[in-house]
Amino acid sequence: MATMTEQNALVATVKAWPERTRTFYNDVRTEMRKVTAPSWKEVRATTTVVVITVAIFALYFFVIELIIQHGLTALLNYFKVR
């Protein structure tokens, strides 16, 4: 069974919940007023950067994979039992 001190702490926590919740939502509202959405020009620019970067990485990994594949094939053919 919980001691009287633990019960008092629990009651104090439960009583403080509405005020803490109100404070939290007020803080969220204050911070959300500072948020700005990007313009369409900014969205297009960053999307273009992402698409180009993904394409470059895809090409890079494709070339690396081809090099490894040809190297491994040559190595296996070299040690192949005749």
PDB file of N, CA and C in Angstrom:
ATOM      1  N   MET A   1       0.845  -1.178   0.000  1.00  0.00           N
ATOM      2  CA  MET A   1       0.000   0.000   0.000  1.00  0.00           C
ATOM      3  C   MET A   1       0.887   1.236   0.000  1.00  0.00           C
ATOM      4  N   ALA A   2       0.455   2.260  -0.675  1.00  0.00           N
ATOM      5  CA  ALA A   2       1.218   3.497  -0.795  1.00  0.00           C
ATOM      6  C   ALA A   2       1.181   4.272   0.517  1.00  0.00           C
ATOM      7  N   THR A   3       2.309   4.918   0.786  1.00  0.00           N
ATOM      8  CA  THR A   3       2.374   5.731   1.994  1.00  0.00           C
ATOM      9  C   THR A   3       1.637   7.041   1.747  1.00  0.00           C
ATOM     10  N   MET A   4       1.418   7.781   2.827  1.00  0.00           N
ATOM     11  CA  MET A   4       0.690   9.043   2.742  1.00  0.00           C
ATOM     12  C   MET A   4       1.454  10.058   1.884  1.00  0.00           C
ATOM     13  N   THR A   5       2.775  10.062   1.968  1.00  0.00           N
ATOM     14  CA  THR A   5       3.586  10.988   1.171  1.00  0.00           C
ATOM     15  C   THR A   5       3.439  10.684  -0.316  1.00  0.00           C
ATOM     16  N   GLU A   6       3.459   9.392  -0.679  1.00  0.00           N
ATOM     17  CA  GLU A   6       3.299   9.004  -2.077  1.00  0.00           C
ATOM     18  C   GLU A   6       1.912   9.368  -2.585  1.00  0.00           C
ATOM     19  N   GLN A   7       0.899   9.202  -1.748  1.00  0.00           N
ATOM     20  CA  GLN A   7      -0.460   9.557  -2.145  1.00  0.00           C
ATOM     21  C   GLN A   7      -0.584  11.061  -2.360  1.00  0.00           C
ATOM     22  N   ASN A   8       0.041  11.853  -1.469  1.00  0.00           N
ATOM     23  CA  ASN A   8       0.001  13.311  -1.609  1.00  0.00           C
ATOM     24  C   ASN A   8       0.715  13.756  -2.882  1.00  0.00           C
ATOM     25  N   ALA A   9       1.817  13.100  -3.204  1.00  0.00           N
ATOM     26  CA  ALA A   9       2.551  13.445  -4.426  1.00  0.00           C
ATOM     27  C   ALA A   9       1.709  13.124  -5.654  1.00  0.00           C
ATOM     28  N   LEU A  10       1.006  12.002  -5.617  1.00  0.00           N
ATOM     29  CA  LEU A  10       0.151  11.622  -6.732  1.00  0.00           C
ATOM     30  C   LEU A  10      -1.004  12.613  -6.896  1.00  0.00           C
ATOM     31  N   VAL A  11      -1.610  12.999  -5.802  1.00  0.00           N
ATOM     32  CA  VAL A  11      -2.718  13.959  -5.846  1.00  0.00           C
ATOM     33  C   VAL A  11      -2.216  15.305  -6.379  1.00  0.00           C
ATOM     34  N   ALA A  12      -1.047  15.742  -5.950  1.00  0.00           N
ATOM     35  CA  ALA A  12      -0.493  17.011  -6.417  1.00  0.00           C
ATOM     36  C   ALA A  12      -0.208  16.949  -7.920  1.00  0.00           C
ATOM     37  N   THR A  13       0.277  15.805  -8.384  1.00  0.00           N
ATOM     38  CA  THR A  13       0.557  15.638  -9.807  1.00  0.00           C
ATOM     39  C   THR A  13      -0.731  15.699 -10.620  1.00  0.00           C
ATOM     40  N   VAL A  14      -1.757  15.026 -10.146  1.00  0.00           N
ATOM     41  CA  VAL A  14      -3.041  15.019 -10.859  1.00  0.00           C
ATOM     42  C   VAL A  14      -3.658  16.406 -10.860  1.00  0.00           C
ATOM     43  N   LYS A  15      -3.560  17.130  -9.746  1.00  0.00           N
ATOM     44  CA  LYS A  15      -4.122  18.483  -9.674  1.00  0.00           C
ATOM     45  C   LYS A  15      -3.372  19.453 -10.580  1.00  0.00           C
ATOM     46  N   ALA A  16      -2.070  19.235 -10.779  1.00  0.00           N
ATOM     47  CA  ALA A  16      -1.261  20.138 -11.593  1.00  0.00           C
ATOM     48  C   ALA A  16      -1.439  19.870 -13.082  1.00  0.00           C
ATOM     49  N   TRP A  17      -2.030  18.742 -13.451  1.00  0.00           N
ATOM     50  CA  TRP A  17      -2.144  18.353 -14.854  1.00  0.00           C
ATOM     51  C   TRP A  17      -2.886  19.379 -15.720  1.00  0.00           C
ATOM     52  N   PRO A  18      -4.039  19.870 -15.333  1.00  0.00           N
ATOM     53  CA  PRO A  18      -4.729  20.851 -16.203  1.00  0.00           C
ATOM     54  C   PRO A  18      -3.901  22.118 -16.449  1.00  0.00           C
ATOM     55  N   GLU A  19      -3.263  22.626 -15.427  1.00  0.00           N
ATOM     56  CA  GLU A  19      -2.459  23.842 -15.597  1.00  0.00           C
ATOM     57  C   GLU A  19      -1.244  23.571 -16.479  1.00  0.00           C
ATOM     58  N   ARG A  20      -0.608  22.440 -16.300  1.00  0.00           N
ATOM     59  CA  ARG A  20       0.539  22.085 -17.136  1.00  0.00           C
ATOM     60  C   ARG A  20       0.112  21.900 -18.590  1.00  0.00           C
ATOM     61  N   THR A  21      -1.057  21.312 -18.797  1.00  0.00           N
ATOM     62  CA  THR A  21      -1.569  21.118 -20.150  1.00  0.00           C
ATOM     63  C   THR A  21      -1.872  22.462 -20.800  1.00  0.00           C
ATOM     64  N   ARG A  22      -2.495  23.353 -20.071  1.00  0.00           N
ATOM     65  CA  ARG A  22      -2.802  24.692 -20.584  1.00  0.00           C
ATOM     66  C   ARG A  22      -1.504  25.428 -20.942  1.00  0.00           C
ATOM     67  N   THR A  23      -0.507  25.350 -20.085  1.00  0.00           N
ATOM     68  CA  THR A  23       0.776  25.999 -20.346  1.00  0.00           C
ATOM     69  C   THR A  23       1.428  25.419 -21.598  1.00  0.00           C
ATOM     70  N   PHE A  24       1.369  24.088 -21.719  1.00  0.00           N
ATOM     71  CA  PHE A  24       1.943  23.436 -22.891  1.00  0.00           C
ATOM     72  C   PHE A  24       1.287  23.936 -24.169  1.00  0.00           C
ATOM     73  N   TYR A  25      -0.032  23.951 -24.225  1.00  0.00           N
ATOM     74  CA  TYR A  25      -0.733  24.400 -25.424  1.00  0.00           C
ATOM     75  C   TYR A  25      -0.487  25.869 -25.727  1.00  0.00           C
ATOM     76  N   ASN A  26      -0.363  26.700 -24.702  1.00  0.00           N
ATOM     77  CA  ASN A  26      -0.029  28.109 -24.925  1.00  0.00           C
ATOM     78  C   ASN A  26       1.372  28.243 -25.524  1.00  0.00           C
ATOM     79  N   ASP A  27       2.306  27.440 -25.027  1.00  0.00           N
ATOM     80  CA  ASP A  27       3.665  27.464 -25.573  1.00  0.00           C
ATOM     81  C   ASP A  27       3.677  26.996 -27.025  1.00  0.00           C
ATOM     82  N   VAL A  28       2.897  25.962 -27.320  1.00  0.00           N
ATOM     83  CA  VAL A  28       2.816  25.463 -28.692  1.00  0.00           C
ATOM     84  C   VAL A  28       2.242  26.545 -29.612  1.00  0.00           C
ATOM     85  N   ARG A  29       1.191  27.193 -29.184  1.00  0.00           N
ATOM     86  CA  ARG A  29       0.578  28.250 -29.986  1.00  0.00           C
ATOM     87  C   ARG A  29       1.581  29.389 -30.233  1.00  0.00           C
ATOM     88  N   THR A  30       2.330  29.764 -29.212  1.00  0.00           N
ATOM     89  CA  THR A  30       3.330  30.822 -29.354  1.00  0.00           C
ATOM     90  C   THR A  30       4.399  30.425 -30.364  1.00  0.00           C
ATOM     91  N   GLU A  31       4.877  29.196 -30.302  1.00  0.00           N
ATOM     92  CA  GLU A  31       5.909  28.738 -31.230  1.00  0.00           C
ATOM     93  C   GLU A  31       5.371  28.602 -32.651  1.00  0.00           C
ATOM     94  N   MET A  32       4.130  28.169 -32.788  1.00  0.00           N
ATOM     95  CA  MET A  32       3.555  27.995 -34.125  1.00  0.00           C
ATOM     96  C   MET A  32       3.357  29.336 -34.829  1.00  0.00           C
ATOM     97  N   ARG A  33       3.227  30.405 -34.098  1.00  0.00           N
ATOM     98  CA  ARG A  33       3.121  31.727 -34.719  1.00  0.00           C
ATOM     99  C   ARG A  33       4.432  32.124 -35.386  1.00  0.00           C
ATOM    100  N   LYS A  34       5.541  31.536 -34.944  1.00  0.00           N
ATOM    101  CA  LYS A  34       6.853  31.844 -35.504  1.00  0.00           C
ATOM    102  C   LYS A  34       7.146  31.032 -36.764  1.00  0.00           C
ATOM    103  N   VAL A  35       6.357  30.009 -37.034  1.00  0.00           N
ATOM    104  CA  VAL A  35       6.594  29.113 -38.163  1.00  0.00           C
ATOM    105  C   VAL A  35       6.087  29.751 -39.447  1.00  0.00           C
ATOM    106  N   THR A  36       6.902  29.655 -40.495  1.00  0.00           N
ATOM    107  CA  THR A  36       6.481  30.145 -41.805  1.00  0.00           C
ATOM    108  C   THR A  36       6.592  29.008 -42.813  1.00  0.00           C
ATOM    109  N   ALA A  37       5.667  28.964 -43.730  1.00  0.00           N
ATOM    110  CA  ALA A  37       5.686  27.958 -44.783  1.00  0.00           C
ATOM    111  C   ALA A  37       6.580  28.461 -45.913  1.00  0.00           C
ATOM    112  N   PRO A  38       7.285  27.539 -46.566  1.00  0.00           N
ATOM    113  CA  PRO A  38       8.126  27.975 -47.687  1.00  0.00           C
ATOM    114  C   PRO A  38       7.271  28.379 -48.889  1.00  0.00           C
ATOM    115  N   SER A  39       7.824  29.244 -49.697  1.00  0.00           N
ATOM    116  CA  SER A  39       7.108  29.662 -50.911  1.00  0.00           C
ATOM    117  C   SER A  39       7.219  28.549 -51.956  1.00  0.00           C
ATOM    118  N   TRP A  40       6.384  28.643 -53.020  1.00  0.00           N
ATOM    119  CA  TRP A  40       6.432  27.639 -54.082  1.00  0.00           C
ATOM    120  C   TRP A  40       7.795  27.645 -54.766  1.00  0.00           C
ATOM    121  N   LYS A  41       8.396  28.806 -54.875  1.00  0.00           N
ATOM    122  CA  LYS A  41       9.717  28.909 -55.500  1.00  0.00           C
ATOM    123  C   LYS A  41      10.750  28.133 -54.677  1.00  0.00           C
ATOM    124  N   GLU A  42      10.700  28.275 -53.356  1.00  0.00           N
ATOM    125  CA  GLU A  42      11.619  27.545 -52.480  1.00  0.00           C
ATOM    126  C   GLU A  42      11.364  26.044 -52.534  1.00  0.00           C
ATOM    127  N   VAL A  43      10.103  25.659 -52.580  1.00  0.00           N
ATOM    128  CA  VAL A  43       9.760  24.237 -52.657  1.00  0.00           C
ATOM    129  C   VAL A  43      10.284  23.630 -53.949  1.00  0.00           C
ATOM    130  N   ARG A  44      10.074  24.320 -55.064  1.00  0.00           N
ATOM    131  CA  ARG A  44      10.569  23.822 -56.358  1.00  0.00           C
ATOM    132  C   ARG A  44      12.091  23.722 -56.347  1.00  0.00           C
ATOM    133  N   ALA A  45      12.753  24.714 -55.783  1.00  0.00           N
ATOM    134  CA  ALA A  45      14.213  24.720 -55.765  1.00  0.00           C
ATOM    135  C   ALA A  45      14.756  23.553 -54.938  1.00  0.00           C
ATOM    136  N   THR A  46      14.223  23.352 -53.761  1.00  0.00           N
ATOM    137  CA  THR A  46      14.727  22.257 -52.920  1.00  0.00           C
ATOM    138  C   THR A  46      14.360  20.898 -53.501  1.00  0.00           C
ATOM    139  N   THR A  47      13.197  20.796 -54.131  1.00  0.00           N
ATOM    140  CA  THR A  47      12.820  19.537 -54.773  1.00  0.00           C
ATOM    141  C   THR A  47      13.765  19.217 -55.923  1.00  0.00           C
ATOM    142  N   THR A  48      14.123  20.217 -56.690  1.00  0.00           N
ATOM    143  CA  THR A  48      15.067  20.027 -57.782  1.00  0.00           C
ATOM    144  C   THR A  48      16.412  19.559 -57.259  1.00  0.00           C
ATOM    145  N   VAL A  49      16.878  20.162 -56.206  1.00  0.00           N
ATOM    146  CA  VAL A  49      18.153  19.756 -55.608  1.00  0.00           C
ATOM    147  C   VAL A  49      18.091  18.303 -55.152  1.00  0.00           C
ATOM    148  N   VAL A  50      17.002  17.908 -54.535  1.00  0.00           N
ATOM    149  CA  VAL A  50      16.860  16.533 -54.051  1.00  0.00           C
ATOM    150  C   VAL A  50      16.837  15.552 -55.217  1.00  0.00           C
ATOM    151  N   VAL A  51      16.079  15.851 -56.251  1.00  0.00           N
ATOM    152  CA  VAL A  51      15.984  14.948 -57.409  1.00  0.00           C
ATOM    153  C   VAL A  51      17.349  14.801 -58.084  1.00  0.00           C
ATOM    154  N   ILE A  52      18.061  15.896 -58.290  1.00  0.00           N
ATOM    155  CA  ILE A  52      19.387  15.834 -58.917  1.00  0.00           C
ATOM    156  C   ILE A  52      20.357  15.051 -58.042  1.00  0.00           C
ATOM    157  N   THR A  53      20.329  15.282 -56.740  1.00  0.00           N
ATOM    158  CA  THR A  53      21.218  14.566 -55.829  1.00  0.00           C
ATOM    159  C   THR A  53      20.936  13.067 -55.849  1.00  0.00           C
ATOM    160  N   VAL A  54      19.682  12.685 -55.841  1.00  0.00           N
ATOM    161  CA  VAL A  54      19.318  11.260 -55.890  1.00  0.00           C
ATOM    162  C   VAL A  54      19.793  10.642 -57.199  1.00  0.00           C
ATOM    163  N   ALA A  55      19.630  11.361 -58.296  1.00  0.00           N
ATOM    164  CA  ALA A  55      20.080  10.847 -59.588  1.00  0.00           C
ATOM    165  C   ALA A  55      21.595  10.655 -59.605  1.00  0.00           C
ATOM    166  N   ILE A  56      22.335  11.598 -59.058  1.00  0.00           N
ATOM    167  CA  ILE A  56      23.802  11.483 -59.005  1.00  0.00           C
ATOM    168  C   ILE A  56      24.209  10.284 -58.165  1.00  0.00           C
ATOM    169  N   PHE A  57      23.589  10.125 -56.997  1.00  0.00           N
ATOM    170  CA  PHE A  57      23.924   8.977 -56.150  1.00  0.00           C
ATOM    171  C   PHE A  57      23.541   7.662 -56.830  1.00  0.00           C
ATOM    172  N   ALA A  58      22.410   7.624 -57.524  1.00  0.00           N
ATOM    173  CA  ALA A  58      21.992   6.404 -58.229  1.00  0.00           C
ATOM    174  C   ALA A  58      23.017   6.045 -59.296  1.00  0.00           C
ATOM    175  N   LEU A  59      23.452   7.023 -60.067  1.00  0.00           N
ATOM    176  CA  LEU A  59      24.464   6.782 -61.093  1.00  0.00           C
ATOM    177  C   LEU A  59      25.771   6.307 -60.461  1.00  0.00           C
ATOM    178  N   TYR A  60      26.182   6.943 -59.395  1.00  0.00           N
ATOM    179  CA  TYR A  60      27.418   6.565 -58.693  1.00  0.00           C
ATOM    180  C   TYR A  60      27.351   5.116 -58.222  1.00  0.00           C
ATOM    181  N   PHE A  61      26.270   4.744 -57.558  1.00  0.00           N
ATOM    182  CA  PHE A  61      26.164   3.376 -57.056  1.00  0.00           C
ATOM    183  C   PHE A  61      26.029   2.363 -58.186  1.00  0.00           C
ATOM    184  N   PHE A  62      25.406   2.748 -59.308  1.00  0.00           N
ATOM    185  CA  PHE A  62      25.310   1.873 -60.465  1.00  0.00           C
ATOM    186  C   PHE A  62      26.701   1.573 -61.020  1.00  0.00           C
ATOM    187  N   VAL A  63      27.519   2.610 -61.164  1.00  0.00           N
ATOM    188  CA  VAL A  63      28.882   2.432 -61.677  1.00  0.00           C
ATOM    189  C   VAL A  63      29.706   1.587 -60.715  1.00  0.00           C
ATOM    190  N   ILE A  64      29.635   1.867 -59.435  1.00  0.00           N
ATOM    191  CA  ILE A  64      30.388   1.090 -58.440  1.00  0.00           C
ATOM    192  C   ILE A  64      29.950  -0.371 -58.477  1.00  0.00           C
ATOM    193  N   GLU A  65      28.638  -0.610 -58.595  1.00  0.00           N
ATOM    194  CA  GLU A  65      28.130  -1.980 -58.634  1.00  0.00           C
ATOM    195  C   GLU A  65      28.628  -2.702 -59.881  1.00  0.00           C
ATOM    196  N   LEU A  66      28.669  -2.015 -61.025  1.00  0.00           N
ATOM    197  CA  LEU A  66      29.200  -2.620 -62.249  1.00  0.00           C
ATOM    198  C   LEU A  66      30.673  -2.989 -62.095  1.00  0.00           C
ATOM    199  N   ILE A  67      31.456  -2.103 -61.513  1.00  0.00           N
ATOM    200  CA  ILE A  67      32.887  -2.365 -61.300  1.00  0.00           C
ATOM    201  C   ILE A  67      33.071  -3.591 -60.406  1.00  0.00           C
ATOM    202  N   ILE A  68      32.323  -3.645 -59.306  1.00  0.00           N
ATOM    203  CA  ILE A  68      32.436  -4.789 -58.402  1.00  0.00           C
ATOM    204  C   ILE A  68      31.985  -6.070 -59.099  1.00  0.00           C
ATOM    205  N   GLN A  69      30.893  -5.996 -59.858  1.00  0.00           N
ATOM    206  CA  GLN A  69      30.379  -7.170 -60.558  1.00  0.00           C
ATOM    207  C   GLN A  69      31.396  -7.700 -61.561  1.00  0.00           C
ATOM    208  N   HIS A  70      31.978  -6.818 -62.357  1.00  0.00           N
ATOM    209  CA  HIS A  70      32.966  -7.266 -63.344  1.00  0.00           C
ATOM    210  C   HIS A  70      34.227  -7.789 -62.659  1.00  0.00           C
ATOM    211  N   GLY A  71      34.623  -7.151 -61.594  1.00  0.00           N
ATOM    212  CA  GLY A  71      35.797  -7.629 -60.856  1.00  0.00           C
ATOM    213  C   GLY A  71      35.563  -8.999 -60.253  1.00  0.00           C
ATOM    214  N   LEU A  72      34.423  -9.200 -59.656  1.00  0.00           N
ATOM    215  CA  LEU A  72      34.107 -10.490 -59.046  1.00  0.00           C
ATOM    216  C   LEU A  72      33.968 -11.574 -60.113  1.00  0.00           C
ATOM    217  N   THR A  73      33.351 -11.245 -61.235  1.00  0.00           N
ATOM    218  CA  THR A  73      33.218 -12.214 -62.334  1.00  0.00           C
ATOM    219  C   THR A  73      34.594 -12.613 -62.854  1.00  0.00           C
ATOM    220  N   ALA A  74      35.475 -11.650 -63.041  1.00  0.00           N
ATOM    221  CA  ALA A  74      36.831 -11.949 -63.510  1.00  0.00           C
ATOM    222  C   ALA A  74      37.575 -12.806 -62.493  1.00  0.00           C
ATOM    223  N   LEU A  75      37.418 -12.510 -61.226  1.00  0.00           N
ATOM    224  CA  LEU A  75      38.084 -13.276 -60.171  1.00  0.00           C
ATOM    225  C   LEU A  75      37.573 -14.712 -60.131  1.00  0.00           C
ATOM    226  N   LEU A  76      36.273 -14.893 -60.236  1.00  0.00           N
ATOM    227  CA  LEU A  76      35.704 -16.245 -60.220  1.00  0.00           C
ATOM    228  C   LEU A  76      36.090 -17.022 -61.472  1.00  0.00           C
ATOM    229  N   ASN A  77      36.139 -16.359 -62.623  1.00  0.00           N
ATOM    230  CA  ASN A  77      36.567 -17.034 -63.848  1.00  0.00           C
ATOM    231  C   ASN A  77      38.042 -17.421 -63.782  1.00  0.00           C
ATOM    232  N   TYR A  78      38.849 -16.634 -63.127  1.00  0.00           N
ATOM    233  CA  TYR A  78      40.269 -16.926 -62.997  1.00  0.00           C
ATOM    234  C   TYR A  78      40.498 -18.200 -62.184  1.00  0.00           C
ATOM    235  N   PHE A  79      39.716 -18.380 -61.104  1.00  0.00           N
ATOM    236  CA  PHE A  79      39.882 -19.540 -60.231  1.00  0.00           C
ATOM    237  C   PHE A  79      38.946 -20.688 -60.587  1.00  0.00           C
ATOM    238  N   LYS A  80      38.271 -20.605 -61.699  1.00  0.00           N
ATOM    239  CA  LYS A  80      37.336 -21.647 -62.105  1.00  0.00           C
ATOM    240  C   LYS A  80      38.090 -22.942 -62.425  1.00  0.00           C
ATOM    241  N   VAL A  81      37.479 -24.047 -62.000  1.00  0.00           N
ATOM    242  CA  VAL A  81      38.108 -25.333 -62.268  1.00  0.00           C
ATOM    243  C   VAL A  81      37.890 -25.661 -63.731  1.00  0.00           C
ATOM    244  N   ARG A  82      38.988 -26.057 -64.425  1.00  0.00           N
ATOM    245  CA  ARG A  82      38.909 -26.319 -65.861  1.00  0.00           C
ATOM    246  C   ARG A  82      38.827 -27.770 -66.136  1.00  0.00           C
TER     247      ARG A  82
END
